[in-house]
Amino acid sequence: MNDAALAAGERLFHIVEHGDLDALREVFTPGAQVWHNTDEKLVDVETTIANLRKIRASASIFRYTDIKREPTPSGFVQQHLLIIETADGRRVRDFACCVCRVEDGRIAHMDAYHDSAATHVLAHRQPSDG
């Protein structure tokens, strides 16, 4: 389980940083959900892909650094720093932690905790969300 869980985490964040976001459908299980502390909502994989497309479209730099990934009994936990630079020159440093449950080598659920000071550029948090 540990190797499969860590491999799922590696694949997830590699795809988000470098790859074709459509491939995320293969990283997540059917019916998987992602929760964000910034809006306290569960979203499906299609919404997650759409949100990531918005963020990536506005970013000239999108890079994960300082990655710490450890196995858990049900999957893995990852801490990282996400650096985003937007086309208009704004630079964001998002200190984040993701807790993932992995089933059969695929992510079934993710709780994503983002730095609230950095979320103003993230697509899943709109200004009207408060």
N, C-alpha and C. Protein backbone atom coordinates (compact mmCIF):
# COMPACT_ATOMS: atom_id res chain seq x y z
N MET A 1 0.82 -1.21 0.00
CA MET A 1 0.00 0.00 0.00
C MET A 1 0.86 1.27 0.00
N ASN A 2 1.94 1.26 0.84
CA ASN A 2 2.75 2.47 0.93
C ASN A 2 3.34 2.87 -0.41
N ASP A 3 3.91 1.91 -1.15
CA ASP A 3 4.52 2.23 -2.44
C ASP A 3 3.47 2.72 -3.43
N ALA A 4 2.32 2.07 -3.47
CA ALA A 4 1.25 2.47 -4.40
C ALA A 4 0.70 3.84 -4.04
N ALA A 5 0.56 4.11 -2.75
CA ALA A 5 0.05 5.41 -2.31
C ALA A 5 1.04 6.52 -2.66
N LEU A 6 2.32 6.29 -2.38
CA LEU A 6 3.33 7.30 -2.70
C LEU A 6 3.45 7.51 -4.20
N ALA A 7 3.32 6.45 -4.98
CA ALA A 7 3.36 6.56 -6.44
C ALA A 7 2.17 7.37 -6.94
N ALA A 8 0.99 7.18 -6.34
CA ALA A 8 -0.19 7.97 -6.73
C ALA A 8 0.05 9.44 -6.45
N GLY A 9 0.65 9.74 -5.31
CA GLY A 9 0.96 11.13 -4.97
C GLY A 9 1.97 11.74 -5.94
N GLU A 10 3.00 10.99 -6.26
CA GLU A 10 4.01 11.46 -7.22
C GLU A 10 3.36 11.76 -8.57
N ARG A 11 2.53 10.84 -9.03
CA ARG A 11 1.88 11.02 -10.33
C ARG A 11 0.93 12.23 -10.31
N LEU A 12 0.13 12.35 -9.26
CA LEU A 12 -0.81 13.47 -9.15
C LEU A 12 -0.09 14.81 -9.29
N PHE A 13 0.90 15.04 -8.45
CA PHE A 13 1.53 16.36 -8.44
C PHE A 13 2.42 16.59 -9.66
N HIS A 14 2.97 15.52 -10.23
CA HIS A 14 3.72 15.67 -11.48
C HIS A 14 2.78 16.11 -12.61
N ILE A 15 1.62 15.47 -12.70
CA ILE A 15 0.66 15.84 -13.75
C ILE A 15 0.20 17.27 -13.58
N VAL A 16 -0.13 17.67 -12.35
CA VAL A 16 -0.61 19.03 -12.13
C VAL A 16 0.46 20.04 -12.49
N GLU A 17 1.71 19.75 -12.15
CA GLU A 17 2.79 20.70 -12.44
C GLU A 17 3.19 20.69 -13.90
N HIS A 18 3.24 19.51 -14.54
CA HIS A 18 3.86 19.39 -15.87
C HIS A 18 2.96 18.81 -16.95
N GLY A 19 1.90 18.13 -16.60
CA GLY A 19 1.25 17.27 -17.58
C GLY A 19 -0.10 17.72 -18.06
N ASP A 20 -0.68 16.83 -18.79
CA ASP A 20 -2.01 17.00 -19.34
C ASP A 20 -3.02 16.75 -18.23
N LEU A 21 -3.77 17.77 -17.84
CA LEU A 21 -4.69 17.65 -16.71
C LEU A 21 -5.76 16.58 -16.93
N ASP A 22 -6.06 16.25 -18.17
CA ASP A 22 -7.04 15.19 -18.43
C ASP A 22 -6.58 13.86 -17.83
N ALA A 23 -5.28 13.67 -17.68
CA ALA A 23 -4.75 12.44 -17.11
C ALA A 23 -5.12 12.28 -15.64
N LEU A 24 -5.58 13.35 -15.01
CA LEU A 24 -5.99 13.25 -13.61
C LEU A 24 -7.17 12.30 -13.44
N ARG A 25 -7.95 12.13 -14.48
CA ARG A 25 -9.08 11.19 -14.39
C ARG A 25 -8.59 9.77 -14.10
N GLU A 26 -7.36 9.47 -14.50
CA GLU A 26 -6.80 8.13 -14.24
C GLU A 26 -6.12 8.05 -12.88
N VAL A 27 -5.76 9.18 -12.30
CA VAL A 27 -5.11 9.20 -10.99
C VAL A 27 -6.15 9.04 -9.88
N PHE A 28 -7.33 9.60 -10.10
CA PHE A 28 -8.40 9.54 -9.12
C PHE A 28 -9.33 8.36 -9.43
N THR A 29 -9.96 7.82 -8.40
CA THR A 29 -10.96 6.77 -8.58
C THR A 29 -12.25 7.39 -9.14
N PRO A 30 -13.11 6.60 -9.77
CA PRO A 30 -14.43 7.10 -10.14
C PRO A 30 -15.15 7.57 -8.87
N GLY A 31 -15.73 8.73 -8.93
CA GLY A 31 -16.45 9.27 -7.77
C GLY A 31 -15.59 9.94 -6.73
N ALA A 32 -14.30 10.07 -6.97
CA ALA A 32 -13.40 10.71 -6.00
C ALA A 32 -13.83 12.15 -5.76
N GLN A 33 -13.52 12.64 -4.57
CA GLN A 33 -13.84 14.01 -4.23
C GLN A 33 -12.63 14.70 -3.62
N VAL A 34 -12.60 16.03 -3.80
CA VAL A 34 -11.53 16.87 -3.26
C VAL A 34 -12.19 17.96 -2.41
N TRP A 35 -11.68 18.13 -1.20
CA TRP A 35 -12.18 19.16 -0.28
C TRP A 35 -11.08 20.20 -0.11
N HIS A 36 -11.48 21.50 -0.06
CA HIS A 36 -10.53 22.59 0.18
C HIS A 36 -10.92 23.34 1.44
N ASN A 37 -9.96 23.64 2.27
CA ASN A 37 -10.23 24.43 3.47
C ASN A 37 -10.66 25.85 3.12
N THR A 38 -10.32 26.33 1.95
CA THR A 38 -10.60 27.72 1.58
C THR A 38 -12.07 28.00 1.33
N ASP A 39 -12.83 26.98 0.95
CA ASP A 39 -14.27 27.17 0.76
C ASP A 39 -15.10 26.10 1.47
N GLU A 40 -14.43 25.11 2.05
CA GLU A 40 -15.06 24.04 2.81
C GLU A 40 -16.11 23.28 1.98
N LYS A 41 -15.80 23.08 0.71
CA LYS A 41 -16.71 22.37 -0.19
C LYS A 41 -16.00 21.15 -0.77
N LEU A 42 -16.78 20.09 -0.97
CA LEU A 42 -16.32 18.92 -1.71
C LEU A 42 -16.61 19.14 -3.18
N VAL A 43 -15.65 18.83 -4.03
CA VAL A 43 -15.87 18.92 -5.47
C VAL A 43 -15.43 17.62 -6.13
N ASP A 44 -15.97 17.37 -7.30
CA ASP A 44 -15.61 16.16 -8.03
C ASP A 44 -14.35 16.40 -8.85
N VAL A 45 -13.89 15.36 -9.50
CA VAL A 45 -12.65 15.44 -10.28
C VAL A 45 -12.80 16.40 -11.46
N GLU A 46 -13.95 16.40 -12.11
CA GLU A 46 -14.15 17.30 -13.25
C GLU A 46 -14.04 18.76 -12.82
N THR A 47 -14.61 19.09 -11.66
CA THR A 47 -14.50 20.46 -11.14
C THR A 47 -13.05 20.78 -10.78
N THR A 48 -12.36 19.80 -10.21
CA THR A 48 -10.96 19.98 -9.86
C THR A 48 -10.13 20.26 -11.11
N ILE A 49 -10.36 19.51 -12.17
CA ILE A 49 -9.63 19.74 -13.42
C ILE A 49 -9.93 21.12 -13.96
N ALA A 50 -11.19 21.53 -13.96
CA ALA A 50 -11.57 22.86 -14.46
C ALA A 50 -10.91 23.96 -13.63
N ASN A 51 -10.88 23.80 -12.31
CA ASN A 51 -10.24 24.80 -11.45
C ASN A 51 -8.74 24.89 -11.73
N LEU A 52 -8.11 23.74 -11.88
CA LEU A 52 -6.67 23.73 -12.16
C LEU A 52 -6.37 24.35 -13.52
N ARG A 53 -7.23 24.13 -14.50
CA ARG A 53 -7.04 24.76 -15.82
C ARG A 53 -7.06 26.28 -15.70
N LYS A 54 -7.98 26.82 -14.91
CA LYS A 54 -8.06 28.27 -14.71
C LYS A 54 -6.78 28.80 -14.06
N ILE A 55 -6.33 28.10 -13.04
CA ILE A 55 -5.11 28.53 -12.35
C ILE A 55 -3.92 28.45 -13.30
N ARG A 56 -3.77 27.33 -13.99
CA ARG A 56 -2.64 27.14 -14.91
C ARG A 56 -2.68 28.15 -16.06
N ALA A 57 -3.88 28.48 -16.55
CA ALA A 57 -4.00 29.43 -17.67
C ALA A 57 -3.51 30.82 -17.29
N SER A 58 -3.63 31.19 -16.02
CA SER A 58 -3.20 32.52 -15.59
C SER A 58 -1.76 32.54 -15.09
N ALA A 59 -1.11 31.37 -15.07
CA ALA A 59 0.22 31.29 -14.48
C ALA A 59 1.31 31.18 -15.53
N SER A 60 2.33 32.02 -15.39
CA SER A 60 3.52 31.87 -16.21
C SER A 60 4.51 30.93 -15.52
N ILE A 61 4.41 30.83 -14.20
CA ILE A 61 5.19 29.88 -13.41
C ILE A 61 4.22 29.15 -12.50
N PHE A 62 4.36 27.83 -12.43
CA PHE A 62 3.55 26.98 -11.56
C PHE A 62 4.45 25.84 -11.15
N ARG A 63 4.94 25.88 -9.90
CA ARG A 63 5.99 24.93 -9.50
C ARG A 63 5.81 24.52 -8.04
N TYR A 64 5.94 23.22 -7.79
CA TYR A 64 5.95 22.70 -6.43
C TYR A 64 7.39 22.60 -5.95
N THR A 65 7.64 23.07 -4.73
CA THR A 65 8.96 22.94 -4.13
C THR A 65 8.79 22.44 -2.69
N ASP A 66 9.90 22.13 -2.07
CA ASP A 66 9.92 21.71 -0.66
C ASP A 66 8.89 20.62 -0.37
N ILE A 67 8.83 19.63 -1.26
CA ILE A 67 7.84 18.56 -1.14
C ILE A 67 8.27 17.57 -0.06
N LYS A 68 7.34 17.29 0.85
CA LYS A 68 7.52 16.27 1.88
C LYS A 68 6.30 15.36 1.77
N ARG A 69 6.50 14.13 1.35
CA ARG A 69 5.40 13.17 1.17
C ARG A 69 5.68 11.94 2.02
N GLU A 70 4.71 11.56 2.83
CA GLU A 70 4.86 10.42 3.73
C GLU A 70 3.64 9.51 3.60
N PRO A 71 3.83 8.21 3.70
CA PRO A 71 2.68 7.30 3.68
C PRO A 71 1.88 7.41 4.98
N THR A 72 0.61 7.13 4.89
CA THR A 72 -0.27 7.00 6.05
C THR A 72 -0.95 5.64 5.96
N PRO A 73 -1.63 5.20 6.98
CA PRO A 73 -2.30 3.90 6.89
C PRO A 73 -3.30 3.79 5.74
N SER A 74 -3.89 4.92 5.33
CA SER A 74 -4.90 4.86 4.26
C SER A 74 -4.46 5.54 2.96
N GLY A 75 -3.23 6.06 2.91
CA GLY A 75 -2.79 6.76 1.70
C GLY A 75 -1.48 7.49 1.91
N PHE A 76 -1.55 8.84 1.81
CA PHE A 76 -0.35 9.64 2.03
C PHE A 76 -0.74 11.05 2.44
N VAL A 77 0.23 11.74 2.99
CA VAL A 77 0.11 13.17 3.29
C VAL A 77 1.28 13.86 2.63
N GLN A 78 1.01 15.03 2.06
CA GLN A 78 2.08 15.79 1.42
C GLN A 78 2.01 17.24 1.87
N GLN A 79 3.16 17.78 2.23
CA GLN A 79 3.32 19.21 2.45
C GLN A 79 4.17 19.74 1.32
N HIS A 80 3.87 20.95 0.86
CA HIS A 80 4.69 21.55 -0.19
C HIS A 80 4.49 23.06 -0.22
N LEU A 81 5.34 23.69 -0.97
CA LEU A 81 5.18 25.09 -1.31
C LEU A 81 4.88 25.16 -2.79
N LEU A 82 3.75 25.75 -3.13
CA LEU A 82 3.39 25.97 -4.53
C LEU A 82 3.71 27.42 -4.86
N ILE A 83 4.56 27.59 -5.86
CA ILE A 83 4.92 28.93 -6.32
C ILE A 83 4.20 29.18 -7.63
N ILE A 84 3.45 30.25 -7.65
CA ILE A 84 2.71 30.66 -8.84
C ILE A 84 3.11 32.09 -9.16
N GLU A 85 3.43 32.32 -10.42
CA GLU A 85 3.61 33.69 -10.89
C GLU A 85 2.62 33.89 -12.02
N THR A 86 1.81 34.93 -11.89
CA THR A 86 0.79 35.19 -12.89
C THR A 86 1.37 36.00 -14.05
N ALA A 87 0.65 35.99 -15.14
CA ALA A 87 1.12 36.71 -16.34
C ALA A 87 1.32 38.19 -16.07
N ASP A 88 0.56 38.76 -15.12
CA ASP A 88 0.72 40.18 -14.80
C ASP A 88 1.80 40.44 -13.75
N GLY A 89 2.57 39.37 -13.39
CA GLY A 89 3.71 39.55 -12.51
C GLY A 89 3.47 39.31 -11.03
N ARG A 90 2.24 39.04 -10.63
CA ARG A 90 2.01 38.73 -9.22
C ARG A 90 2.63 37.38 -8.89
N ARG A 91 3.24 37.30 -7.72
CA ARG A 91 3.90 36.07 -7.28
C ARG A 91 3.21 35.59 -6.01
N VAL A 92 2.85 34.32 -5.99
CA VAL A 92 2.14 33.74 -4.87
C VAL A 92 2.94 32.57 -4.32
N ARG A 93 3.01 32.49 -3.00
CA ARG A 93 3.65 31.37 -2.32
C ARG A 93 2.57 30.71 -1.47
N ASP A 94 2.11 29.55 -1.89
CA ASP A 94 1.03 28.84 -1.23
C ASP A 94 1.60 27.65 -0.47
N PHE A 95 1.71 27.78 0.85
CA PHE A 95 2.12 26.67 1.69
C PHE A 95 0.91 25.78 1.87
N ALA A 96 1.01 24.52 1.47
CA ALA A 96 -0.16 23.65 1.44
C ALA A 96 0.15 22.28 2.05
N CYS A 97 -0.93 21.62 2.43
CA CYS A 97 -0.85 20.25 2.92
C CYS A 97 -2.04 19.49 2.33
N CYS A 98 -1.78 18.32 1.78
CA CYS A 98 -2.82 17.49 1.19
C CYS A 98 -2.81 16.13 1.88
N VAL A 99 -3.98 15.72 2.32
CA VAL A 99 -4.16 14.42 2.95
C VAL A 99 -5.00 13.58 2.00
N CYS A 100 -4.45 12.46 1.54
CA CYS A 100 -5.12 11.68 0.50
C CYS A 100 -5.36 10.24 0.96
N ARG A 101 -6.54 9.75 0.62
CA ARG A 101 -6.87 8.34 0.81
C ARG A 101 -6.72 7.66 -0.55
N VAL A 102 -6.00 6.57 -0.58
CA VAL A 102 -5.70 5.87 -1.82
C VAL A 102 -6.32 4.49 -1.77
N GLU A 103 -6.99 4.12 -2.87
CA GLU A 103 -7.59 2.79 -3.01
C GLU A 103 -7.12 2.19 -4.32
N ASP A 104 -6.54 1.01 -4.25
CA ASP A 104 -6.05 0.31 -5.45
C ASP A 104 -5.15 1.19 -6.31
N GLY A 105 -4.29 1.96 -5.66
CA GLY A 105 -3.31 2.78 -6.37
C GLY A 105 -3.84 4.08 -6.94
N ARG A 106 -5.11 4.41 -6.63
CA ARG A 106 -5.71 5.65 -7.14
C ARG A 106 -6.26 6.46 -5.96
N ILE A 107 -6.27 7.76 -6.11
CA ILE A 107 -6.73 8.64 -5.03
C ILE A 107 -8.25 8.66 -5.01
N ALA A 108 -8.82 8.32 -3.85
CA ALA A 108 -10.27 8.28 -3.68
C ALA A 108 -10.80 9.54 -3.02
N HIS A 109 -9.95 10.20 -2.24
CA HIS A 109 -10.37 11.42 -1.54
C HIS A 109 -9.14 12.25 -1.21
N MET A 110 -9.28 13.57 -1.34
CA MET A 110 -8.20 14.48 -0.95
C MET A 110 -8.78 15.61 -0.12
N ASP A 111 -8.13 15.89 1.00
CA ASP A 111 -8.39 17.10 1.77
C ASP A 111 -7.20 18.02 1.51
N ALA A 112 -7.45 19.17 0.89
CA ALA A 112 -6.39 20.10 0.51
C ALA A 112 -6.48 21.35 1.37
N TYR A 113 -5.42 21.61 2.11
CA TYR A 113 -5.34 22.77 2.99
C TYR A 113 -4.36 23.76 2.37
N HIS A 114 -4.89 24.91 1.96
CA HIS A 114 -4.08 25.95 1.32
C HIS A 114 -3.89 27.13 2.26
N ASP A 115 -2.81 27.84 2.08
CA ASP A 115 -2.54 29.07 2.82
C ASP A 115 -3.58 30.11 2.42
N SER A 116 -4.41 30.53 3.37
CA SER A 116 -5.49 31.47 3.04
C SER A 116 -4.97 32.79 2.51
N ALA A 117 -3.75 33.17 2.86
CA ALA A 117 -3.18 34.42 2.34
C ALA A 117 -2.84 34.32 0.86
N ALA A 118 -2.73 33.09 0.34
CA ALA A 118 -2.33 32.89 -1.05
C ALA A 118 -3.49 32.57 -1.97
N THR A 119 -4.65 32.28 -1.44
CA THR A 119 -5.72 31.74 -2.26
C THR A 119 -6.43 32.75 -3.15
N HIS A 120 -6.10 34.01 -3.08
CA HIS A 120 -6.77 35.00 -3.92
C HIS A 120 -6.55 34.76 -5.41
N VAL A 121 -5.53 33.99 -5.78
CA VAL A 121 -5.32 33.70 -7.21
C VAL A 121 -5.79 32.31 -7.60
N LEU A 122 -6.28 31.54 -6.63
CA LEU A 122 -6.71 30.18 -6.94
C LEU A 122 -8.13 30.19 -7.47
N ALA A 123 -8.36 29.47 -8.53
CA ALA A 123 -9.66 29.50 -9.22
C ALA A 123 -10.80 28.98 -8.38
N HIS A 124 -10.56 28.03 -7.47
CA HIS A 124 -11.67 27.47 -6.71
C HIS A 124 -12.17 28.42 -5.63
N ARG A 125 -11.49 29.54 -5.41
CA ARG A 125 -11.95 30.52 -4.43
C ARG A 125 -12.22 31.83 -5.16
N GLN A 126 -13.46 32.14 -5.29
CA GLN A 126 -13.87 33.37 -5.95
C GLN A 126 -14.03 34.47 -4.91
N PRO A 127 -13.88 35.76 -5.28
CA PRO A 127 -14.00 36.85 -4.32
C PRO A 127 -15.31 36.83 -3.53
N SER A 128 -16.38 36.34 -4.11
CA SER A 128 -17.67 36.33 -3.41
C SER A 128 -17.73 35.25 -2.35
N ASP A 129 -16.73 34.34 -2.29
CA ASP A 129 -16.74 33.28 -1.28
C ASP A 129 -16.42 33.80 0.10
N GLY A 130 -15.91 35.02 0.18
CA GLY A 130 -15.59 35.62 1.48
C GLY A 130 -14.32 35.14 1.99
